[in-house]
PDB file of N, CA and C in Angstrom:
ATOM      1  N   MET A   1      28.415 -14.175 -34.440  1.00  0.00           N
ATOM      2  CA  MET A   1      28.738 -12.835 -33.523  1.00  0.00           C
ATOM      3  C   MET A   1      28.104 -12.148 -32.480  1.00  0.00           C
ATOM      4  N   GLN A   2      27.441 -11.777 -31.336  1.00  0.00           N
ATOM      5  CA  GLN A   2      26.932 -11.786 -30.448  1.00  0.00           C
ATOM      6  C   GLN A   2      26.608 -10.512 -29.977  1.00  0.00           C
ATOM      7  N   TYR A   3      26.013  -9.605 -29.761  1.00  0.00           N
ATOM      8  CA  TYR A   3      25.605  -7.859 -29.840  1.00  0.00           C
ATOM      9  C   TYR A   3      25.185  -7.982 -28.572  1.00  0.00           C
ATOM     10  N   VAL A   4      25.400  -6.994 -27.515  1.00  0.00           N
ATOM     11  CA  VAL A   4      24.758  -7.309 -26.137  1.00  0.00           C
ATOM     12  C   VAL A   4      24.599  -5.630 -25.836  1.00  0.00           C
ATOM     13  N   ALA A   5      23.529  -5.913 -26.335  1.00  0.00           N
ATOM     14  CA  ALA A   5      22.846  -3.331 -25.921  1.00  0.00           C
ATOM     15  C   ALA A   5      22.782  -3.804 -24.421  1.00  0.00           C
ATOM     16  N   GLN A   6      23.222  -2.247 -24.432  1.00  0.00           N
ATOM     17  CA  GLN A   6      23.220  -1.926 -22.973  1.00  0.00           C
ATOM     18  C   GLN A   6      22.642  -0.362 -22.647  1.00  0.00           C
ATOM     19  N   ILE A   7      20.785  -0.177 -21.996  1.00  0.00           N
ATOM     20  CA  ILE A   7      21.206   1.278 -21.883  1.00  0.00           C
ATOM     21  C   ILE A   7      21.255   1.753 -20.307  1.00  0.00           C
ATOM     22  N   LEU A   8      21.294   2.779 -20.499  1.00  0.00           N
ATOM     23  CA  LEU A   8      21.721   3.484 -19.229  1.00  0.00           C
ATOM     24  C   LEU A   8      20.804   4.451 -19.310  1.00  0.00           C
ATOM     25  N   VAL A   9      20.266   3.818 -18.032  1.00  0.00           N
ATOM     26  CA  VAL A   9      19.061   5.243 -17.731  1.00  0.00           C
ATOM     27  C   VAL A   9      19.419   5.199 -16.604  1.00  0.00           C
ATOM     28  N   LEU A  10      19.632   7.289 -17.032  1.00  0.00           N
ATOM     29  CA  LEU A  10      19.590   8.441 -15.657  1.00  0.00           C
ATOM     30  C   LEU A  10      18.406   8.472 -14.929  1.00  0.00           C
ATOM     31  N   THR A  11      18.078   9.406 -14.265  1.00  0.00           N
ATOM     32  CA  THR A  11      17.341   9.125 -12.911  1.00  0.00           C
ATOM     33  C   THR A  11      17.576  10.623 -12.762  1.00  0.00           C
ATOM     34  N   MET A  12      16.488  11.327 -13.432  1.00  0.00           N
ATOM     35  CA  MET A  12      15.967  13.349 -12.673  1.00  0.00           C
ATOM     36  C   MET A  12      15.885  13.168 -11.726  1.00  0.00           C
ATOM     37  N   ILE A  13      16.745  13.481 -10.233  1.00  0.00           N
ATOM     38  CA  ILE A  13      15.692  14.223  -9.033  1.00  0.00           C
ATOM     39  C   ILE A  13      15.773  15.270  -8.909  1.00  0.00           C
ATOM     40  N   VAL A  14      13.835  15.392  -8.776  1.00  0.00           N
ATOM     41  CA  VAL A  14      13.295  16.547  -8.963  1.00  0.00           C
ATOM     42  C   VAL A  14      13.567  16.619  -7.076  1.00  0.00           C
ATOM     43  N   LEU A  15      13.817  18.170  -7.218  1.00  0.00           N
ATOM     44  CA  LEU A  15      15.000  18.806  -6.132  1.00  0.00           C
ATOM     45  C   LEU A  15      13.539  19.925  -5.637  1.00  0.00           C
ATOM     46  N   PRO A  16      13.335  19.681  -4.262  1.00  0.00           N
ATOM     47  CA  PRO A  16      11.894  20.531  -2.921  1.00  0.00           C
ATOM     48  C   PRO A  16      11.535  21.792  -4.924  1.00  0.00           C
ATOM     49  N   GLU A  17      12.485  23.109  -4.715  1.00  0.00           N
ATOM     50  CA  GLU A  17      12.923  24.218  -5.022  1.00  0.00           C
ATOM     51  C   GLU A  17      12.523  23.942  -7.178  1.00  0.00           C
ATOM     52  N   ASN A  18      12.652  22.804  -7.098  1.00  0.00           N
ATOM     53  CA  ASN A  18      12.505  22.808  -8.976  1.00  0.00           C
ATOM     54  C   ASN A  18      10.900  21.381  -9.309  1.00  0.00           C
ATOM     55  N   ARG A  19      10.083  21.641  -7.880  1.00  0.00           N
ATOM     56  CA  ARG A  19       9.324  20.646  -7.800  1.00  0.00           C
ATOM     57  C   ARG A  19       8.136  21.899  -9.238  1.00  0.00           C
ATOM     58  N   LYS A  20       7.600  22.348  -7.988  1.00  0.00           N
ATOM     59  CA  LYS A  20       6.427  23.092  -9.322  1.00  0.00           C
ATOM     60  C   LYS A  20       6.405  23.164 -10.265  1.00  0.00           C
ATOM     61  N   ALA A  21       7.669  23.444 -10.648  1.00  0.00           N
ATOM     62  CA  ALA A  21       8.212  23.602 -11.988  1.00  0.00           C
ATOM     63  C   ALA A  21       8.279  22.191 -13.159  1.00  0.00           C
ATOM     64  N   TYR A  22       8.702  21.673 -12.576  1.00  0.00           N
ATOM     65  CA  TYR A  22       8.726  20.490 -13.031  1.00  0.00           C
ATOM     66  C   TYR A  22       7.444  20.252 -13.195  1.00  0.00           C
ATOM     67  N   LEU A  23       6.561  20.198 -12.316  1.00  0.00           N
ATOM     68  CA  LEU A  23       4.963  19.620 -12.225  1.00  0.00           C
ATOM     69  C   LEU A  23       4.356  20.210 -13.242  1.00  0.00           C
ATOM     70  N   LYS A  24       3.837  21.574 -13.583  1.00  0.00           N
ATOM     71  CA  LYS A  24       3.763  22.596 -14.226  1.00  0.00           C
ATOM     72  C   LYS A  24       3.912  21.913 -16.113  1.00  0.00           C
ATOM     73  N   SER A  25       5.084  21.610 -16.673  1.00  0.00           N
ATOM     74  CA  SER A  25       5.605  20.890 -17.806  1.00  0.00           C
ATOM     75  C   SER A  25       4.853  19.728 -18.022  1.00  0.00           C
ATOM     76  N   LYS A  26       4.577  18.923 -17.317  1.00  0.00           N
ATOM     77  CA  LYS A  26       3.693  16.994 -17.103  1.00  0.00           C
ATOM     78  C   LYS A  26       2.643  17.423 -17.258  1.00  0.00           C
ATOM     79  N   PRO A  27       1.477  16.540 -17.455  1.00  0.00           N
ATOM     80  CA  PRO A  27      -0.079  16.921 -18.315  1.00  0.00           C
ATOM     81  C   PRO A  27      -1.113  16.605 -16.301  1.00  0.00           C
ATOM     82  N   MET A  28      -2.052  17.075 -16.135  1.00  0.00           N
ATOM     83  CA  MET A  28      -2.592  17.095 -15.940  1.00  0.00           C
ATOM     84  C   MET A  28      -2.906  15.585 -14.961  1.00  0.00           C
ATOM     85  N   ALA A  29      -2.666  14.158 -15.376  1.00  0.00           N
ATOM     86  CA  ALA A  29      -3.072  13.119 -15.229  1.00  0.00           C
ATOM     87  C   ALA A  29      -1.671  13.076 -14.368  1.00  0.00           C
ATOM     88  N   TYR A  30      -0.920  13.324 -15.091  1.00  0.00           N
ATOM     89  CA  TYR A  30       0.832  13.260 -14.113  1.00  0.00           C
ATOM     90  C   TYR A  30       0.866  13.567 -12.405  1.00  0.00           C
ATOM     91  N   GLN A  31       1.077  14.928 -12.830  1.00  0.00           N
ATOM     92  CA  GLN A  31       1.025  15.699 -12.025  1.00  0.00           C
ATOM     93  C   GLN A  31      -0.343  15.297 -10.535  1.00  0.00           C
ATOM     94  N   SER A  32      -1.764  14.614 -10.948  1.00  0.00           N
ATOM     95  CA  SER A  32      -2.658  13.769  -9.590  1.00  0.00           C
ATOM     96  C   SER A  32      -2.035  12.720  -9.446  1.00  0.00           C
ATOM     97  N   GLY A  33      -1.179  12.500 -10.097  1.00  0.00           N
ATOM     98  CA  GLY A  33      -1.044  10.989  -9.683  1.00  0.00           C
ATOM     99  C   GLY A  33       0.545  11.117  -8.639  1.00  0.00           C
ATOM    100  N   TRP A  34       1.557  11.542  -9.026  1.00  0.00           N
ATOM    101  CA  TRP A  34       2.356  13.194  -8.499  1.00  0.00           C
ATOM    102  C   TRP A  34       1.915  13.520  -6.913  1.00  0.00           C
ATOM    103  N   LEU A  35       0.420  13.954  -6.989  1.00  0.00           N
ATOM    104  CA  LEU A  35       0.421  15.121  -5.264  1.00  0.00           C
ATOM    105  C   LEU A  35      -0.391  14.015  -5.122  1.00  0.00           C
ATOM    106  N   ALA A  36      -0.822  12.490  -5.592  1.00  0.00           N
ATOM    107  CA  ALA A  36      -1.588  12.050  -4.515  1.00  0.00           C
ATOM    108  C   ALA A  36      -0.856  10.797  -4.233  1.00  0.00           C
ATOM    109  N   CYS A  37       0.436  10.417  -4.498  1.00  0.00           N
ATOM    110  CA  CYS A  37       1.875  10.311  -4.055  1.00  0.00           C
ATOM    111  C   CYS A  37       2.645  10.265  -2.946  1.00  0.00           C
ATOM    112  N   GLU A  38       2.470  11.942  -3.103  1.00  0.00           N
ATOM    113  CA  GLU A  38       3.014  13.260  -2.377  1.00  0.00           C
ATOM    114  C   GLU A  38       2.115  13.038  -1.243  1.00  0.00           C
ATOM    115  N   SER A  39       0.812  12.624  -0.812  1.00  0.00           N
ATOM    116  CA  SER A  39      -0.242  12.635   0.048  1.00  0.00           C
ATOM    117  C   SER A  39      -0.238  11.801   0.791  1.00  0.00           C
ATOM    118  N   GLY A  40       0.192  10.594  -0.035  1.00  0.00           N
ATOM    119  CA  GLY A  40       0.017   9.037   1.092  1.00  0.00           C
ATOM    120  C   GLY A  40      -0.970   8.899   0.410  1.00  0.00           C
ATOM    121  N   VAL A  41      -1.484   8.914  -0.549  1.00  0.00           N
ATOM    122  CA  VAL A  41      -3.006   8.194  -1.112  1.00  0.00           C
ATOM    123  C   VAL A  41      -2.464   6.748  -1.916  1.00  0.00           C
ATOM    124  N   ALA A  42      -3.380   5.464  -0.585  1.00  0.00           N
ATOM    125  CA  ALA A  42      -2.445   3.994  -2.099  1.00  0.00           C
ATOM    126  C   ALA A  42      -3.022   4.736  -3.175  1.00  0.00           C
ATOM    127  N   HIS A  43      -2.469   3.502  -4.007  1.00  0.00           N
ATOM    128  CA  HIS A  43      -2.758   3.630  -5.690  1.00  0.00           C
ATOM    129  C   HIS A  43      -3.361   3.069  -6.091  1.00  0.00           C
ATOM    130  N   LYS A  44      -4.439   4.008  -6.793  1.00  0.00           N
ATOM    131  CA  LYS A  44      -5.379   3.564  -7.650  1.00  0.00           C
ATOM    132  C   LYS A  44      -5.394   2.895  -8.618  1.00  0.00           C
ATOM    133  N   LYS A  45      -6.305   2.194  -9.433  1.00  0.00           N
ATOM    134  CA  LYS A  45      -7.226   2.414 -11.665  1.00  0.00           C
ATOM    135  C   LYS A  45      -8.453   2.871 -11.069  1.00  0.00           C
ATOM    136  N   LEU A  46      -7.595   4.663 -11.849  1.00  0.00           N
ATOM    137  CA  LEU A  46      -8.698   5.523 -11.903  1.00  0.00           C
ATOM    138  C   LEU A  46      -9.843   5.241 -12.701  1.00  0.00           C
ATOM    139  N   ASN A  47     -11.501   4.756 -13.087  1.00  0.00           N
ATOM    140  CA  ASN A  47     -12.049   5.199 -13.735  1.00  0.00           C
ATOM    141  C   ASN A  47     -12.676   5.598 -15.236  1.00  0.00           C
ATOM    142  N   VAL A  48     -11.167   6.016 -16.200  1.00  0.00           N
ATOM    143  CA  VAL A  48     -11.295   7.627 -16.913  1.00  0.00           C
ATOM    144  C   VAL A  48      -9.707   6.441 -17.990  1.00  0.00           C
ATOM    145  N   PRO A  49     -10.761   6.898 -18.546  1.00  0.00           N
ATOM    146  CA  PRO A  49      -9.355   5.889 -20.941  1.00  0.00           C
ATOM    147  C   PRO A  49      -8.085   5.385 -19.751  1.00  0.00           C
ATOM    148  N   GLU A  50      -7.594   4.026 -20.704  1.00  0.00           N
ATOM    149  CA  GLU A  50      -6.566   3.247 -20.385  1.00  0.00           C
ATOM    150  C   GLU A  50      -5.166   4.825 -20.461  1.00  0.00           C
ATOM    151  N   SER A  51      -5.139   5.596 -21.512  1.00  0.00           N
ATOM    152  CA  SER A  51      -3.682   6.364 -21.492  1.00  0.00           C
ATOM    153  C   SER A  51      -3.441   7.701 -20.233  1.00  0.00           C
ATOM    154  N   VAL A  52      -5.017   8.223 -19.352  1.00  0.00           N
ATOM    155  CA  VAL A  52      -5.244   8.808 -18.596  1.00  0.00           C
ATOM    156  C   VAL A  52      -4.300   7.999 -17.277  1.00  0.00           C
ATOM    157  N   ASN A  53      -5.017   7.114 -17.367  1.00  0.00           N
ATOM    158  CA  ASN A  53      -4.397   5.647 -15.861  1.00  0.00           C
ATOM    159  C   ASN A  53      -3.427   5.827 -16.136  1.00  0.00           C
ATOM    160  N   GLU A  54      -2.572   5.419 -17.548  1.00  0.00           N
ATOM    161  CA  GLU A  54      -1.014   5.365 -17.681  1.00  0.00           C
ATOM    162  C   GLU A  54      -0.419   6.995 -17.438  1.00  0.00           C
ATOM    163  N   LEU A  55      -0.712   7.567 -17.518  1.00  0.00           N
ATOM    164  CA  LEU A  55      -0.311   9.243 -16.912  1.00  0.00           C
ATOM    165  C   LEU A  55      -0.235   9.228 -15.749  1.00  0.00           C
ATOM    166  N   TYR A  56      -1.509   8.698 -14.906  1.00  0.00           N
ATOM    167  CA  TYR A  56      -1.789   9.011 -13.503  1.00  0.00           C
ATOM    168  C   TYR A  56      -0.901   7.995 -12.425  1.00  0.00           C
ATOM    169  N   THR A  57      -0.886   6.638 -12.738  1.00  0.00           N
ATOM    170  CA  THR A  57       0.560   5.752 -12.981  1.00  0.00           C
ATOM    171  C   THR A  57       2.162   6.166 -13.020  1.00  0.00           C
ATOM    172  N   GLN A  58       2.385   6.751 -13.322  1.00  0.00           N
ATOM    173  CA  GLN A  58       3.837   7.425 -14.025  1.00  0.00           C
ATOM    174  C   GLN A  58       3.923   8.322 -13.009  1.00  0.00           C
ATOM    175  N   GLY A  59       3.314   9.874 -13.064  1.00  0.00           N
ATOM    176  CA  GLY A  59       3.237  10.855 -11.975  1.00  0.00           C
ATOM    177  C   GLY A  59       3.270   9.849 -10.808  1.00  0.00           C
ATOM    178  N   TYR A  60       2.904   9.434 -10.033  1.00  0.00           N
ATOM    179  CA  TYR A  60       3.548   8.172  -8.364  1.00  0.00           C
ATOM    180  C   TYR A  60       4.503   7.351  -8.644  1.00  0.00           C
ATOM    181  N   SER A  61       4.532   6.753 -10.444  1.00  0.00           N
ATOM    182  CA  SER A  61       5.861   5.921  -9.844  1.00  0.00           C
ATOM    183  C   SER A  61       6.774   6.654 -10.038  1.00  0.00           C
ATOM    184  N   ASP A  62       7.263   7.490 -10.401  1.00  0.00           N
ATOM    185  CA  ASP A  62       8.056   8.876 -10.659  1.00  0.00           C
ATOM    186  C   ASP A  62       8.561   9.437  -9.749  1.00  0.00           C
ATOM    187  N   CYS A  63       7.382  10.226  -8.858  1.00  0.00           N
ATOM    188  CA  CYS A  63       7.229  10.286  -7.150  1.00  0.00           C
ATOM    189  C   CYS A  63       7.611   9.481  -5.905  1.00  0.00           C
ATOM    190  N   PHE A  64       7.394   7.883  -5.766  1.00  0.00           N
ATOM    191  CA  PHE A  64       7.863   7.661  -5.493  1.00  0.00           C
ATOM    192  C   PHE A  64       9.175   7.520  -5.409  1.00  0.00           C
ATOM    193  N   ALA A  65      10.009   7.635  -6.669  1.00  0.00           N
ATOM    194  CA  ALA A  65      11.204   7.186  -6.604  1.00  0.00           C
ATOM    195  C   ALA A  65      12.764   8.374  -6.793  1.00  0.00           C
ATOM    196  N   ASN A  66      11.510   9.429  -6.838  1.00  0.00           N
ATOM    197  CA  ASN A  66      12.655  10.664  -6.155  1.00  0.00           C
ATOM    198  C   ASN A  66      12.064  10.757  -5.353  1.00  0.00           C
ATOM    199  N   THR A  67      11.512  10.455  -4.217  1.00  0.00           N
ATOM    200  CA  THR A  67      11.047  10.621  -2.853  1.00  0.00           C
ATOM    201  C   THR A  67      12.430   9.589  -1.705  1.00  0.00           C
ATOM    202  N   GLU A  68      12.284   8.151  -3.224  1.00  0.00           N
ATOM    203  CA  GLU A  68      13.740   7.164  -2.699  1.00  0.00           C
ATOM    204  C   GLU A  68      14.893   7.324  -2.468  1.00  0.00           C
ATOM    205  N   SER A  69      14.696   8.481  -4.076  1.00  0.00           N
ATOM    206  CA  SER A  69      16.027   9.140  -4.545  1.00  0.00           C
ATOM    207  C   SER A  69      16.331   9.841  -3.504  1.00  0.00           C
ATOM    208  N   LEU A  70      15.858  11.085  -2.934  1.00  0.00           N
ATOM    209  CA  LEU A  70      16.247  12.214  -2.279  1.00  0.00           C
ATOM    210  C   LEU A  70      16.551  11.833  -1.075  1.00  0.00           C
ATOM    211  N   SER A  71      15.770  10.500  -0.196  1.00  0.00           N
ATOM    212  CA  SER A  71      16.091   9.573   1.019  1.00  0.00           C
ATOM    213  C   SER A  71      17.402   9.020   0.585  1.00  0.00           C
ATOM    214  N   ASN A  72      18.313   8.679  -0.582  1.00  0.00           N
ATOM    215  CA  ASN A  72      18.875   8.241  -0.406  1.00  0.00           C
ATOM    216  C   ASN A  72      19.998   8.546  -0.024  1.00  0.00           C
ATOM    217  N   GLN A  73      20.016  10.073  -0.974  1.00  0.00           N
ATOM    218  CA  GLN A  73      20.712  11.161  -0.633  1.00  0.00           C
ATOM    219  C   GLN A  73      21.200  12.176   0.717  1.00  0.00           C
ATOM    220  N   GLU A  74      19.975  12.127   1.176  1.00  0.00           N
ATOM    221  CA  GLU A  74      20.270  12.132   2.104  1.00  0.00           C
ATOM    222  C   GLU A  74      21.248  11.156   3.196  1.00  0.00           C
ATOM    223  N   ARG A  75      21.169   9.785   2.560  1.00  0.00           N
ATOM    224  CA  ARG A  75      22.068   9.254   3.388  1.00  0.00           C
ATOM    225  C   ARG A  75      23.855   9.299   3.111  1.00  0.00           C
ATOM    226  N   ILE A  76      23.861   9.228   2.152  1.00  0.00           N
ATOM    227  CA  ILE A  76      25.020   9.189   1.924  1.00  0.00           C
ATOM    228  C   ILE A  76      25.566  11.265   2.123  1.00  0.00           C
ATOM    229  N   ALA A  77      24.706  12.198   2.273  1.00  0.00           N
ATOM    230  CA  ALA A  77      25.679  13.237   2.603  1.00  0.00           C
ATOM    231  C   ALA A  77      26.062  13.310   3.421  1.00  0.00           C
TER     232      ALA A  77
END
């Protein structure tokens, strides 16, 4: 008997009017990554502990994905 696991990934889109509250709920390193992405700063590895780098990268990646999702919604509308 074979089991197939399905994973449903729900992505939350952060709307401009909710951005400030969303970022306030996140750690500083995550916020820094998000803001760097918004500002067009190229992603880089920081000279900090790996746990901080992971949060920075997650924020950067989430911002990038959020921007793409917002763009896709605008094209659909």
